[in-house]
Each structure stands twice: as C-alpha cells, then as structure tokens.
Amino acid sequence: MCLGLAVRLWVLTYRIRFAAPPGFEGGSAVLSFWHGQQMALLGARRLAGDAAVLVSRSRDGDVQSGVMTALGFRVVRGSSSRGGALALTTLIGLLRRGSAIALSVDGPRGPHHVAKGGAAAAAGATGAPLFPVASAGRRTWVLTKAWDRFEIPLPFSEVAIVVGAPLPAAEARARPELLGRALEACRGRAERLAGVHSRAADTPSEARP
C-alpha cells in the first residue's frame, strides 16, 4: 500500500499531454502498449479508468500487482508462459461486460518491442477496438539493465500519451508486426509532444535531456 501511494503521488506530478483519435471514449476496448512504459501510462487515468490490467505471474509481477491494485485497477494475473489461457478468457469476459483492458504486447520477457498476438486475439473475440498506446517523458530514467528498458519519468516531467487509430484485430493477429509499427508511430508522436529530441541510450542513473 505504501508503494502504491508513493507511485500515485509520483505520477500526480506529471504534466500530461494526451492525444487520441476522434471518438475515443474508453469503455470496452483493448489498450495495447510496450512493456516498460507502464509508469508514464499510470499518469493518464482517463485513458484507462477502472480498466483491468494484465500482470505476469512473476516476482516482478507481484510488486506490480500490489501497486496496480492500490491505484484502483483490477488486476488479472497471467502471461504467455504461465496462466495465459485462463487470463485471456478472463479478459475476454471483462470486455464483453463493457470493461477496458490494458496489456503489454511484448511481455512478459520479450523479445523487446516484438509484438505478440494476445491483444489482437482478445479484440477479435469480442469486437472491441484494438488501440495502440505509447508514451514519452521529457526527462526519464531508463533502466538499461532491465530487458524491457523500464522508463521512469522524473517528477514534474512533461509526459505525452498518445492513442493511435484502432487496428483491425484479424490483421493484427495474423501479422503482429502491424501492431508493432503502430506502437512505434505512437511513440514517435509522443516524443514530439513531450519535447524529446533523441533516444540516446541512458544509464539507470542518467536522465534524458
């Protein structure tokens, strides 16, 4: 609970810039993003509202689950390697009842920025729109030793969150690289909105300019 409160206070300092396509209103939708961008995305509750969040059954996932629960999200545990089928069934049920779900598409252990088909499968099974979502912070710590290069925007950072146009679920499931390209396009737009000029590699103790 203390960690959840600390994260809540941290992200409340962000100066959020939000961009979404016309007609984006939340509700039943699949919000897909790259692993490692979770911290910035927590700053936009109007994006996810009370969305269900998929968290892996791992030691790191235990920590994330506690934080997400403290922040008011519904947590579904599972991944492609552990409990994935049951988790996907649960997420599909939530979508059919009108909830939004949010999940990383290159988890739980990568490869980094290689999209998988779970998000598209959930969207295709329910008819819910599949949205790519990306973020960028003007001043960000990047944990380069983590496989997902986890990003932690510094307090009071300018943070941009971009929702792209919905993708056809069937095509994204057959060709996951389409979702990957859409996420990269959203990321580029988020960087421009946040005033990020480059993606130079940082050490964990350094921040992007």
N, C-alpha and C. Protein backbone atom coordinates (compact mmCIF):
# COMPACT_ATOMS: atom_id res chain seq x y z
N MET A 1 0.82 -1.20 0.00
CA MET A 1 0.00 0.00 0.00
C MET A 1 0.87 1.26 0.00
N CYS A 2 1.95 1.24 0.78
CA CYS A 2 2.83 2.40 0.83
C CYS A 2 3.46 2.65 -0.53
N LEU A 3 3.87 1.57 -1.21
CA LEU A 3 4.45 1.72 -2.53
C LEU A 3 3.42 2.27 -3.51
N GLY A 4 2.19 1.76 -3.42
CA GLY A 4 1.14 2.27 -4.29
C GLY A 4 0.89 3.75 -4.08
N LEU A 5 0.89 4.20 -2.82
CA LEU A 5 0.70 5.62 -2.53
C LEU A 5 1.86 6.43 -3.07
N ALA A 6 3.09 5.93 -2.92
CA ALA A 6 4.25 6.64 -3.43
C ALA A 6 4.18 6.81 -4.94
N VAL A 7 3.77 5.74 -5.64
CA VAL A 7 3.65 5.82 -7.10
C VAL A 7 2.55 6.80 -7.49
N ARG A 8 1.43 6.74 -6.77
CA ARG A 8 0.34 7.68 -7.06
C ARG A 8 0.81 9.13 -6.93
N LEU A 9 1.50 9.45 -5.85
CA LEU A 9 1.99 10.81 -5.66
C LEU A 9 3.01 11.20 -6.71
N TRP A 10 3.86 10.23 -7.10
CA TRP A 10 4.88 10.49 -8.12
C TRP A 10 4.22 10.87 -9.44
N VAL A 11 3.26 10.04 -9.91
CA VAL A 11 2.68 10.29 -11.24
C VAL A 11 1.76 11.51 -11.24
N LEU A 12 1.25 11.89 -10.05
CA LEU A 12 0.41 13.09 -10.00
C LEU A 12 1.20 14.35 -10.33
N THR A 13 2.52 14.28 -10.23
CA THR A 13 3.33 15.46 -10.57
C THR A 13 3.52 15.64 -12.07
N TYR A 14 3.21 14.61 -12.85
CA TYR A 14 3.46 14.69 -14.29
C TYR A 14 2.58 15.75 -14.93
N ARG A 15 3.14 16.45 -15.90
CA ARG A 15 2.37 17.38 -16.73
C ARG A 15 1.98 16.61 -18.00
N ILE A 16 0.75 16.11 -18.01
CA ILE A 16 0.32 15.18 -19.05
C ILE A 16 -0.19 15.92 -20.29
N ARG A 17 0.28 15.48 -21.44
CA ARG A 17 -0.29 15.89 -22.72
C ARG A 17 -0.88 14.63 -23.34
N PHE A 18 -2.14 14.68 -23.69
CA PHE A 18 -2.89 13.49 -24.11
C PHE A 18 -3.44 13.70 -25.51
N ALA A 19 -3.25 12.71 -26.39
CA ALA A 19 -3.78 12.79 -27.74
C ALA A 19 -4.43 11.46 -28.09
N ALA A 20 -5.64 11.53 -28.65
CA ALA A 20 -6.38 10.33 -29.00
C ALA A 20 -7.19 10.60 -30.27
N PRO A 21 -7.55 9.56 -31.01
CA PRO A 21 -8.33 9.76 -32.22
C PRO A 21 -9.76 10.18 -31.90
N PRO A 22 -10.45 10.81 -32.86
CA PRO A 22 -11.85 11.19 -32.63
C PRO A 22 -12.68 9.97 -32.26
N GLY A 23 -13.54 10.15 -31.29
CA GLY A 23 -14.41 9.06 -30.89
C GLY A 23 -13.86 8.16 -29.81
N PHE A 24 -12.60 8.37 -29.42
CA PHE A 24 -12.05 7.55 -28.35
C PHE A 24 -12.66 7.98 -27.02
N GLU A 25 -13.34 7.03 -26.37
CA GLU A 25 -14.03 7.36 -25.14
C GLU A 25 -13.80 6.33 -24.05
N GLY A 26 -12.83 5.44 -24.23
CA GLY A 26 -12.65 4.39 -23.25
C GLY A 26 -13.73 3.33 -23.43
N GLY A 27 -14.34 2.86 -22.35
CA GLY A 27 -15.33 1.80 -22.45
C GLY A 27 -14.68 0.49 -22.85
N SER A 28 -15.44 -0.38 -23.47
CA SER A 28 -14.91 -1.68 -23.89
C SER A 28 -13.88 -1.48 -25.00
N ALA A 29 -12.62 -1.73 -24.68
CA ALA A 29 -11.53 -1.52 -25.63
C ALA A 29 -10.31 -2.28 -25.15
N VAL A 30 -9.45 -2.61 -26.10
CA VAL A 30 -8.17 -3.25 -25.78
C VAL A 30 -7.08 -2.20 -25.97
N LEU A 31 -6.41 -1.84 -24.89
CA LEU A 31 -5.35 -0.84 -24.92
C LEU A 31 -4.02 -1.57 -24.87
N SER A 32 -3.26 -1.51 -25.94
CA SER A 32 -2.01 -2.26 -26.04
C SER A 32 -0.83 -1.31 -25.98
N PHE A 33 0.25 -1.75 -25.34
CA PHE A 33 1.42 -0.88 -25.19
C PHE A 33 2.67 -1.74 -25.06
N TRP A 34 3.83 -1.11 -25.17
CA TRP A 34 5.10 -1.80 -24.99
C TRP A 34 5.39 -1.97 -23.50
N HIS A 35 5.92 -3.11 -23.13
CA HIS A 35 6.38 -3.34 -21.76
C HIS A 35 7.46 -2.31 -21.43
N GLY A 36 7.43 -1.80 -20.20
CA GLY A 36 8.41 -0.81 -19.77
C GLY A 36 7.87 0.60 -19.76
N GLN A 37 6.68 0.82 -20.35
CA GLN A 37 6.09 2.16 -20.37
C GLN A 37 4.98 2.33 -19.34
N GLN A 38 4.83 1.37 -18.44
CA GLN A 38 3.72 1.39 -17.50
C GLN A 38 3.70 2.62 -16.61
N MET A 39 4.87 3.09 -16.18
CA MET A 39 4.93 4.19 -15.21
C MET A 39 4.29 5.45 -15.78
N ALA A 40 4.65 5.80 -17.00
CA ALA A 40 4.08 7.00 -17.61
C ALA A 40 2.59 6.84 -17.85
N LEU A 41 2.17 5.64 -18.26
CA LEU A 41 0.77 5.44 -18.57
C LEU A 41 -0.12 5.54 -17.34
N LEU A 42 0.46 5.31 -16.15
CA LEU A 42 -0.32 5.47 -14.92
C LEU A 42 -0.76 6.91 -14.71
N GLY A 43 -0.11 7.84 -15.39
CA GLY A 43 -0.45 9.24 -15.23
C GLY A 43 -1.70 9.65 -15.99
N ALA A 44 -2.29 8.76 -16.74
CA ALA A 44 -3.48 9.12 -17.53
C ALA A 44 -4.64 8.20 -17.18
N ARG A 45 -5.23 8.42 -16.01
CA ARG A 45 -6.34 7.57 -15.60
C ARG A 45 -7.54 7.71 -16.52
N ARG A 46 -7.69 8.86 -17.20
CA ARG A 46 -8.83 8.98 -18.10
C ARG A 46 -8.65 8.07 -19.31
N LEU A 47 -7.40 7.63 -19.56
CA LEU A 47 -7.16 6.67 -20.63
C LEU A 47 -7.74 5.31 -20.25
N ALA A 48 -7.45 4.86 -19.03
CA ALA A 48 -7.82 3.51 -18.65
C ALA A 48 -8.99 3.44 -17.70
N GLY A 49 -9.26 4.53 -16.94
CA GLY A 49 -10.34 4.49 -15.98
C GLY A 49 -10.15 3.36 -14.98
N ASP A 50 -11.15 2.48 -14.89
CA ASP A 50 -11.04 1.32 -14.00
C ASP A 50 -10.71 0.06 -14.79
N ALA A 51 -9.88 0.20 -15.81
CA ALA A 51 -9.55 -0.91 -16.70
C ALA A 51 -8.91 -2.07 -15.94
N ALA A 52 -9.09 -3.25 -16.50
CA ALA A 52 -8.39 -4.43 -15.99
C ALA A 52 -7.01 -4.47 -16.62
N VAL A 53 -6.01 -4.76 -15.81
CA VAL A 53 -4.62 -4.75 -16.26
C VAL A 53 -4.06 -6.16 -16.15
N LEU A 54 -3.42 -6.63 -17.21
CA LEU A 54 -2.79 -7.95 -17.19
C LEU A 54 -1.39 -7.83 -16.60
N VAL A 55 -1.11 -8.63 -15.57
CA VAL A 55 0.18 -8.63 -14.89
C VAL A 55 0.69 -10.07 -14.83
N SER A 56 1.95 -10.28 -15.13
CA SER A 56 2.51 -11.62 -15.19
C SER A 56 2.59 -12.27 -13.81
N ARG A 57 2.62 -13.60 -13.79
CA ARG A 57 2.80 -14.36 -12.54
C ARG A 57 4.29 -14.54 -12.28
N SER A 58 4.92 -13.47 -11.89
CA SER A 58 6.36 -13.48 -11.63
C SER A 58 6.62 -12.68 -10.36
N ARG A 59 7.87 -12.68 -9.91
CA ARG A 59 8.21 -11.90 -8.72
C ARG A 59 8.01 -10.41 -8.98
N ASP A 60 8.47 -9.95 -10.16
CA ASP A 60 8.23 -8.55 -10.52
C ASP A 60 6.73 -8.27 -10.62
N GLY A 61 6.00 -9.27 -11.16
CA GLY A 61 4.56 -9.10 -11.29
C GLY A 61 3.86 -8.96 -9.95
N ASP A 62 4.40 -9.63 -8.91
CA ASP A 62 3.82 -9.50 -7.57
C ASP A 62 3.87 -8.04 -7.12
N VAL A 63 4.99 -7.38 -7.37
CA VAL A 63 5.14 -5.97 -6.99
C VAL A 63 4.18 -5.11 -7.81
N GLN A 64 4.17 -5.34 -9.13
CA GLN A 64 3.29 -4.56 -9.99
C GLN A 64 1.83 -4.74 -9.61
N SER A 65 1.46 -5.98 -9.28
CA SER A 65 0.07 -6.26 -8.91
C SER A 65 -0.34 -5.45 -7.69
N GLY A 66 0.54 -5.38 -6.68
CA GLY A 66 0.22 -4.61 -5.49
C GLY A 66 0.05 -3.14 -5.79
N VAL A 67 0.92 -2.60 -6.64
CA VAL A 67 0.84 -1.17 -7.00
C VAL A 67 -0.43 -0.90 -7.77
N MET A 68 -0.72 -1.74 -8.77
CA MET A 68 -1.91 -1.53 -9.60
C MET A 68 -3.19 -1.62 -8.77
N THR A 69 -3.23 -2.57 -7.87
CA THR A 69 -4.41 -2.71 -7.01
C THR A 69 -4.58 -1.48 -6.14
N ALA A 70 -3.48 -0.97 -5.57
CA ALA A 70 -3.55 0.23 -4.73
C ALA A 70 -4.01 1.45 -5.52
N LEU A 71 -3.71 1.46 -6.83
CA LEU A 71 -4.11 2.58 -7.67
C LEU A 71 -5.53 2.44 -8.21
N GLY A 72 -6.20 1.34 -7.88
CA GLY A 72 -7.60 1.20 -8.26
C GLY A 72 -7.87 0.39 -9.49
N PHE A 73 -6.83 -0.23 -10.07
CA PHE A 73 -7.04 -1.06 -11.24
C PHE A 73 -7.46 -2.48 -10.82
N ARG A 74 -8.20 -3.14 -11.69
CA ARG A 74 -8.46 -4.56 -11.50
C ARG A 74 -7.33 -5.34 -12.14
N VAL A 75 -6.72 -6.25 -11.41
CA VAL A 75 -5.55 -6.97 -11.89
C VAL A 75 -5.94 -8.39 -12.27
N VAL A 76 -5.52 -8.80 -13.47
CA VAL A 76 -5.66 -10.18 -13.93
C VAL A 76 -4.25 -10.73 -14.07
N ARG A 77 -3.95 -11.85 -13.41
CA ARG A 77 -2.60 -12.41 -13.43
C ARG A 77 -2.48 -13.48 -14.50
N GLY A 78 -1.40 -13.41 -15.27
CA GLY A 78 -1.13 -14.43 -16.28
C GLY A 78 -0.24 -13.88 -17.37
N SER A 79 0.34 -14.76 -18.16
CA SER A 79 1.21 -14.38 -19.27
C SER A 79 1.27 -15.53 -20.25
N SER A 80 2.01 -15.34 -21.33
CA SER A 80 2.13 -16.40 -22.34
C SER A 80 2.80 -17.64 -21.79
N SER A 81 3.62 -17.48 -20.74
CA SER A 81 4.35 -18.61 -20.20
C SER A 81 3.68 -19.25 -18.98
N ARG A 82 2.82 -18.48 -18.27
CA ARG A 82 2.19 -19.01 -17.06
C ARG A 82 0.76 -18.47 -16.95
N GLY A 83 -0.21 -19.36 -17.06
CA GLY A 83 -1.60 -18.97 -16.86
C GLY A 83 -2.19 -18.12 -17.95
N GLY A 84 -1.62 -18.18 -19.15
CA GLY A 84 -2.06 -17.29 -20.22
C GLY A 84 -3.47 -17.58 -20.71
N ALA A 85 -3.82 -18.85 -20.87
CA ALA A 85 -5.14 -19.19 -21.40
C ALA A 85 -6.25 -18.73 -20.47
N LEU A 86 -6.09 -18.98 -19.17
CA LEU A 86 -7.10 -18.56 -18.21
C LEU A 86 -7.19 -17.04 -18.14
N ALA A 87 -6.04 -16.36 -18.20
CA ALA A 87 -6.03 -14.90 -18.16
C ALA A 87 -6.75 -14.33 -19.37
N LEU A 88 -6.49 -14.91 -20.56
CA LEU A 88 -7.15 -14.41 -21.77
C LEU A 88 -8.65 -14.61 -21.69
N THR A 89 -9.09 -15.75 -21.17
CA THR A 89 -10.52 -16.00 -21.01
C THR A 89 -11.15 -14.97 -20.07
N THR A 90 -10.46 -14.65 -18.98
CA THR A 90 -10.96 -13.65 -18.04
C THR A 90 -11.06 -12.29 -18.69
N LEU A 91 -10.04 -11.90 -19.44
CA LEU A 91 -10.03 -10.60 -20.10
C LEU A 91 -11.16 -10.50 -21.13
N ILE A 92 -11.38 -11.56 -21.88
CA ILE A 92 -12.45 -11.57 -22.87
C ILE A 92 -13.81 -11.39 -22.18
N GLY A 93 -14.00 -12.06 -21.04
CA GLY A 93 -15.23 -11.89 -20.28
C GLY A 93 -15.44 -10.46 -19.83
N LEU A 94 -14.37 -9.81 -19.39
CA LEU A 94 -14.47 -8.41 -18.95
C LEU A 94 -14.81 -7.49 -20.12
N LEU A 95 -14.20 -7.75 -21.26
CA LEU A 95 -14.51 -6.94 -22.45
C LEU A 95 -15.98 -7.07 -22.81
N ARG A 96 -16.50 -8.27 -22.75
CA ARG A 96 -17.91 -8.49 -23.11
C ARG A 96 -18.86 -7.82 -22.14
N ARG A 97 -18.38 -7.55 -20.92
CA ARG A 97 -19.21 -6.84 -19.94
C ARG A 97 -18.98 -5.33 -19.98
N GLY A 98 -18.22 -4.88 -20.96
CA GLY A 98 -18.07 -3.44 -21.17
C GLY A 98 -16.85 -2.80 -20.57
N SER A 99 -15.94 -3.58 -20.01
CA SER A 99 -14.73 -3.02 -19.41
C SER A 99 -13.63 -2.85 -20.47
N ALA A 100 -12.71 -1.96 -20.18
CA ALA A 100 -11.49 -1.86 -20.98
C ALA A 100 -10.43 -2.75 -20.35
N ILE A 101 -9.52 -3.24 -21.17
CA ILE A 101 -8.38 -3.99 -20.66
C ILE A 101 -7.11 -3.36 -21.21
N ALA A 102 -6.03 -3.47 -20.44
CA ALA A 102 -4.75 -2.91 -20.85
C ALA A 102 -3.67 -3.98 -20.67
N LEU A 103 -2.88 -4.19 -21.70
CA LEU A 103 -1.85 -5.20 -21.61
C LEU A 103 -0.68 -4.88 -22.53
N SER A 104 0.51 -5.24 -22.07
CA SER A 104 1.70 -5.08 -22.89
C SER A 104 1.73 -6.21 -23.92
N VAL A 105 2.23 -5.92 -25.09
CA VAL A 105 2.18 -6.91 -26.18
C VAL A 105 3.53 -7.56 -26.44
N ASP A 106 4.56 -7.19 -25.68
CA ASP A 106 5.86 -7.85 -25.83
C ASP A 106 6.31 -8.50 -24.52
N GLY A 107 5.40 -8.70 -23.58
CA GLY A 107 5.75 -9.34 -22.31
C GLY A 107 5.54 -10.83 -22.38
N PRO A 108 5.86 -11.56 -21.27
CA PRO A 108 6.40 -10.99 -20.03
C PRO A 108 7.92 -10.86 -20.03
N ARG A 109 8.60 -11.51 -21.00
CA ARG A 109 10.06 -11.46 -21.01
C ARG A 109 10.62 -11.14 -22.40
N GLY A 110 9.83 -10.53 -23.23
CA GLY A 110 10.31 -10.14 -24.54
C GLY A 110 10.06 -11.19 -25.61
N PRO A 111 10.73 -11.06 -26.76
CA PRO A 111 11.77 -10.07 -27.07
C PRO A 111 11.25 -8.63 -27.01
N HIS A 112 12.19 -7.73 -26.70
CA HIS A 112 11.86 -6.33 -26.53
C HIS A 112 11.28 -5.75 -27.82
N HIS A 113 10.10 -5.13 -27.70
CA HIS A 113 9.41 -4.46 -28.80
C HIS A 113 9.13 -5.40 -29.98
N VAL A 114 8.81 -6.64 -29.67
CA VAL A 114 8.31 -7.58 -30.67
C VAL A 114 6.89 -7.95 -30.26
N ALA A 115 5.90 -7.50 -31.02
CA ALA A 115 4.51 -7.68 -30.63
C ALA A 115 4.08 -9.13 -30.77
N LYS A 116 3.23 -9.55 -29.83
CA LYS A 116 2.61 -10.87 -29.87
C LYS A 116 1.11 -10.71 -30.13
N GLY A 117 0.41 -11.83 -30.22
CA GLY A 117 -0.96 -11.78 -30.71
C GLY A 117 -2.06 -11.75 -29.68
N GLY A 118 -1.75 -11.75 -28.37
CA GLY A 118 -2.78 -11.85 -27.35
C GLY A 118 -3.78 -10.71 -27.36
N ALA A 119 -3.32 -9.48 -27.50
CA ALA A 119 -4.22 -8.33 -27.51
C ALA A 119 -5.17 -8.39 -28.70
N ALA A 120 -4.64 -8.74 -29.86
CA ALA A 120 -5.47 -8.85 -31.06
C ALA A 120 -6.48 -9.98 -30.93
N ALA A 121 -6.08 -11.08 -30.28
CA ALA A 121 -7.00 -12.20 -30.08
C ALA A 121 -8.17 -11.79 -29.21
N ALA A 122 -7.89 -11.04 -28.13
CA ALA A 122 -8.96 -10.58 -27.24
C ALA A 122 -9.91 -9.64 -27.98
N ALA A 123 -9.35 -8.73 -28.77
CA ALA A 123 -10.19 -7.80 -29.53
C ALA A 123 -11.02 -8.55 -30.57
N GLY A 124 -10.40 -9.50 -31.26
CA GLY A 124 -11.12 -10.24 -32.29
C GLY A 124 -12.25 -11.09 -31.74
N ALA A 125 -12.08 -11.61 -30.53
CA ALA A 125 -13.10 -12.48 -29.93
C ALA A 125 -14.32 -11.71 -29.46
N THR A 126 -14.18 -10.41 -29.27
CA THR A 126 -15.26 -9.62 -28.68
C THR A 126 -15.75 -8.49 -29.57
N GLY A 127 -15.00 -8.15 -30.60
CA GLY A 127 -15.35 -7.00 -31.42
C GLY A 127 -14.94 -5.68 -30.81
N ALA A 128 -14.23 -5.71 -29.68
CA ALA A 128 -13.76 -4.47 -29.07
C ALA A 128 -12.65 -3.85 -29.91
N PRO A 129 -12.56 -2.53 -29.97
CA PRO A 129 -11.49 -1.90 -30.75
C PRO A 129 -10.13 -2.15 -30.11
N LEU A 130 -9.13 -2.28 -30.97
CA LEU A 130 -7.75 -2.51 -30.55
C LEU A 130 -6.96 -1.24 -30.77
N PHE A 131 -6.57 -0.58 -29.67
CA PHE A 131 -5.86 0.69 -29.76
C PHE A 131 -4.39 0.51 -29.40
N PRO A 132 -3.47 1.03 -30.22
CA PRO A 132 -2.07 1.14 -29.79
C PRO A 132 -1.90 2.38 -28.93
N VAL A 133 -1.11 2.26 -27.87
CA VAL A 133 -0.90 3.36 -26.93
C VAL A 133 0.60 3.46 -26.62
N ALA A 134 1.13 4.66 -26.62
CA ALA A 134 2.55 4.85 -26.30
C ALA A 134 2.72 6.14 -25.51
N SER A 135 3.84 6.22 -24.81
CA SER A 135 4.14 7.40 -24.01
C SER A 135 5.58 7.81 -24.18
N ALA A 136 5.88 9.02 -23.73
CA ALA A 136 7.26 9.51 -23.72
C ALA A 136 7.35 10.61 -22.68
N GLY A 137 8.45 10.66 -21.96
CA GLY A 137 8.68 11.70 -20.97
C GLY A 137 9.89 12.54 -21.34
N ARG A 138 9.80 13.83 -21.11
CA ARG A 138 10.91 14.71 -21.48
C ARG A 138 12.16 14.41 -20.67
N ARG A 139 11.99 14.10 -19.37
CA ARG A 139 13.12 13.72 -18.52
C ARG A 139 12.80 12.38 -17.89
N THR A 140 13.56 11.36 -18.27
CA THR A 140 13.21 9.99 -17.92
C THR A 140 14.43 9.19 -17.54
N TRP A 141 14.33 8.44 -16.44
CA TRP A 141 15.32 7.41 -16.14
C TRP A 141 14.99 6.17 -16.96
N VAL A 142 16.00 5.59 -17.57
CA VAL A 142 15.82 4.35 -18.32
C VAL A 142 16.68 3.27 -17.68
N LEU A 143 16.04 2.20 -17.23
CA LEU A 143 16.76 1.11 -16.59
C LEU A 143 17.30 0.18 -17.66
N THR A 144 18.47 0.48 -18.16
CA THR A 144 19.02 -0.21 -19.33
C THR A 144 19.39 -1.66 -19.04
N LYS A 145 19.54 -2.04 -17.78
CA LYS A 145 19.86 -3.42 -17.47
C LYS A 145 18.62 -4.31 -17.42
N ALA A 146 17.45 -3.71 -17.40
CA ALA A 146 16.20 -4.47 -17.45
C ALA A 146 15.90 -4.83 -18.90
N TRP A 147 15.35 -6.01 -19.14
CA TRP A 147 15.12 -6.45 -20.52
C TRP A 147 14.16 -5.51 -21.26
N ASP A 148 13.21 -4.89 -20.49
CA ASP A 148 12.23 -4.02 -21.13
C ASP A 148 12.65 -2.55 -21.13
N ARG A 149 13.88 -2.26 -20.61
CA ARG A 149 14.37 -0.87 -20.55
C ARG A 149 13.32 0.03 -19.88
N PHE A 150 12.91 -0.39 -18.70
CA PHE A 150 11.82 0.27 -17.99
C PHE A 150 12.07 1.77 -17.86
N GLU A 151 11.04 2.56 -18.14
CA GLU A 151 11.16 4.02 -18.17
C GLU A 151 10.46 4.63 -16.96
N ILE A 152 11.16 5.53 -16.28
CA ILE A 152 10.59 6.22 -15.12
C ILE A 152 10.71 7.73 -15.34
N PRO A 153 9.67 8.37 -15.84
CA PRO A 153 9.73 9.83 -15.96
C PRO A 153 9.94 10.47 -14.60
N LEU A 154 10.82 11.46 -14.55
CA LEU A 154 11.11 12.14 -13.30
C LEU A 154 9.91 12.97 -12.84
N PRO A 155 9.82 13.26 -11.55
CA PRO A 155 8.73 14.11 -11.07
C PRO A 155 8.69 15.45 -11.82
N PHE A 156 7.48 15.91 -12.09
CA PHE A 156 7.22 17.18 -12.77
C PHE A 156 7.67 17.16 -14.22
N SER A 157 7.87 15.98 -14.78
CA SER A 157 8.24 15.87 -16.19
C SER A 157 7.04 16.15 -17.09
N GLU A 158 7.35 16.65 -18.29
CA GLU A 158 6.35 16.71 -19.35
C GLU A 158 6.21 15.29 -19.90
N VAL A 159 5.01 14.73 -19.84
CA VAL A 159 4.77 13.36 -20.29
C VAL A 159 3.64 13.39 -21.32
N ALA A 160 3.90 12.82 -22.47
CA ALA A 160 2.88 12.73 -23.52
C ALA A 160 2.41 11.29 -23.65
N ILE A 161 1.10 11.13 -23.80
CA ILE A 161 0.49 9.82 -24.00
C ILE A 161 -0.36 9.91 -25.27
N VAL A 162 -0.10 9.01 -26.19
CA VAL A 162 -0.75 9.04 -27.50
C VAL A 162 -1.49 7.73 -27.74
N VAL A 163 -2.76 7.84 -28.09
CA VAL A 163 -3.56 6.69 -28.51
C VAL A 163 -3.69 6.76 -30.02
N GLY A 164 -3.33 5.68 -30.70
CA GLY A 164 -3.43 5.65 -32.15
C GLY A 164 -4.80 5.21 -32.62
N ALA A 165 -5.02 5.27 -33.92
CA ALA A 165 -6.27 4.81 -34.51
C ALA A 165 -6.43 3.31 -34.27
N PRO A 166 -7.67 2.82 -34.09
CA PRO A 166 -7.87 1.39 -33.85
C PRO A 166 -7.43 0.57 -35.06
N LEU A 167 -6.92 -0.62 -34.77
CA LEU A 167 -6.41 -1.51 -35.80
C LEU A 167 -7.37 -2.67 -36.02
N PRO A 168 -7.46 -3.19 -37.26
CA PRO A 168 -8.28 -4.39 -37.50
C PRO A 168 -7.69 -5.57 -36.73
N ALA A 169 -8.50 -6.16 -35.85
CA ALA A 169 -7.98 -7.21 -34.97
C ALA A 169 -7.49 -8.43 -35.76
N ALA A 170 -8.23 -8.82 -36.78
CA ALA A 170 -7.84 -10.01 -37.54
C ALA A 170 -6.48 -9.83 -38.21
N GLU A 171 -6.26 -8.67 -38.79
CA GLU A 171 -4.98 -8.40 -39.45
C GLU A 171 -3.85 -8.33 -38.43
N ALA A 172 -4.12 -7.68 -37.28
CA ALA A 172 -3.07 -7.56 -36.26
C ALA A 172 -2.73 -8.91 -35.65
N ARG A 173 -3.69 -9.82 -35.59
CA ARG A 173 -3.40 -11.15 -35.07
C ARG A 173 -2.58 -11.96 -36.07
N ALA A 174 -2.93 -11.84 -37.35
CA ALA A 174 -2.20 -12.58 -38.37
C ALA A 174 -0.81 -12.00 -38.60
N ARG A 175 -0.69 -10.69 -38.43
CA ARG A 175 0.59 -10.01 -38.66
C ARG A 175 0.88 -9.08 -37.48
N PRO A 176 1.39 -9.61 -36.37
CA PRO A 176 1.63 -8.78 -35.18
C PRO A 176 2.54 -7.59 -35.43
N GLU A 177 3.36 -7.66 -36.48
CA GLU A 177 4.25 -6.54 -36.76
C GLU A 177 3.48 -5.27 -37.11
N LEU A 178 2.22 -5.41 -37.57
CA LEU A 178 1.40 -4.23 -37.84
C LEU A 178 1.14 -3.45 -36.55
N LEU A 179 0.85 -4.17 -35.48
CA LEU A 179 0.67 -3.52 -34.19
C LEU A 179 1.98 -2.91 -33.71
N GLY A 180 3.08 -3.63 -33.92
CA GLY A 180 4.38 -3.08 -33.55
C GLY A 180 4.68 -1.77 -34.24
N ARG A 181 4.39 -1.70 -35.54
CA ARG A 181 4.64 -0.45 -36.27
C ARG A 181 3.73 0.67 -35.78
N ALA A 182 2.48 0.32 -35.46
CA ALA A 182 1.55 1.34 -34.95
C ALA A 182 2.02 1.88 -33.60
N LEU A 183 2.54 1.00 -32.76
CA LEU A 183 3.06 1.44 -31.46
C LEU A 183 4.28 2.34 -31.64
N GLU A 184 5.14 2.01 -32.58
CA GLU A 184 6.31 2.86 -32.81
C GLU A 184 5.90 4.23 -33.35
N ALA A 185 4.86 4.26 -34.19
CA ALA A 185 4.37 5.55 -34.70
C ALA A 185 3.80 6.39 -33.56
N CYS A 186 3.06 5.75 -32.66
CA CYS A 186 2.54 6.47 -31.49
C CYS A 186 3.67 6.97 -30.61
N ARG A 187 4.70 6.15 -30.47
CA ARG A 187 5.85 6.54 -29.65
C ARG A 187 6.54 7.77 -30.24
N GLY A 188 6.72 7.78 -31.55
CA GLY A 188 7.35 8.94 -32.19
C GLY A 188 6.54 10.20 -31.98
N ARG A 189 5.23 10.08 -32.09
CA ARG A 189 4.38 11.25 -31.88
C ARG A 189 4.44 11.70 -30.43
N ALA A 190 4.46 10.75 -29.49
CA ALA A 190 4.55 11.10 -28.08
C ALA A 190 5.86 11.82 -27.77
N GLU A 191 6.95 11.37 -28.38
CA GLU A 191 8.23 12.04 -28.15
C GLU A 191 8.20 13.47 -28.64
N ARG A 192 7.57 13.69 -29.78
CA ARG A 192 7.48 15.06 -30.29
C ARG A 192 6.64 15.93 -29.37
N LEU A 193 5.52 15.39 -28.88
CA LEU A 193 4.66 16.16 -27.99
C LEU A 193 5.35 16.49 -26.66
N ALA A 194 6.18 15.55 -26.19
CA ALA A 194 6.86 15.75 -24.91
C ALA A 194 8.14 16.55 -25.05
N GLY A 195 8.57 16.81 -26.27
CA GLY A 195 9.80 17.56 -26.46
C GLY A 195 11.05 16.73 -26.32
N VAL A 196 10.94 15.41 -26.56
CA VAL A 196 12.11 14.53 -26.52
C VAL A 196 12.79 14.62 -27.88
N HIS A 197 14.10 14.90 -27.85
CA HIS A 197 14.81 15.13 -29.11
C HIS A 197 15.56 13.92 -29.61
N SER A 198 15.80 12.94 -28.74
CA SER A 198 16.54 11.76 -29.19
C SER A 198 16.23 10.60 -28.26
N ARG A 199 16.64 9.41 -28.67
CA ARG A 199 16.51 8.22 -27.84
C ARG A 199 17.89 7.69 -27.47
N ALA A 200 18.82 8.59 -27.20
CA ALA A 200 20.16 8.14 -26.84
C ALA A 200 20.11 7.24 -25.62
N ALA A 201 20.94 6.21 -25.62
CA ALA A 201 20.95 5.25 -24.51
C ALA A 201 21.39 5.94 -23.24
N ASP A 202 20.67 5.63 -22.15
CA ASP A 202 20.96 6.21 -20.85
C ASP A 202 21.35 5.11 -19.88
N THR A 203 22.11 5.47 -18.87
CA THR A 203 22.35 4.55 -17.78
C THR A 203 21.23 4.74 -16.77
N PRO A 204 21.03 3.76 -15.82
CA PRO A 204 19.96 3.93 -14.85
C PRO A 204 20.07 5.20 -14.02
N SER A 205 21.24 5.77 -13.88
CA SER A 205 21.39 6.96 -13.05
C SER A 205 21.33 8.24 -13.87
N GLU A 206 21.08 8.14 -15.16
CA GLU A 206 21.04 9.31 -16.01
C GLU A 206 19.63 9.52 -16.52
N ALA A 207 19.32 10.76 -16.86
CA ALA A 207 18.01 11.09 -17.39
C ALA A 207 18.17 11.63 -18.80
N ARG A 208 17.14 11.41 -19.58
CA ARG A 208 17.12 12.02 -20.89
C ARG A 208 17.03 13.52 -20.76
N PRO A 209 17.62 14.26 -21.70
CA PRO A 209 17.53 15.72 -21.63
C PRO A 209 16.13 16.21 -21.92
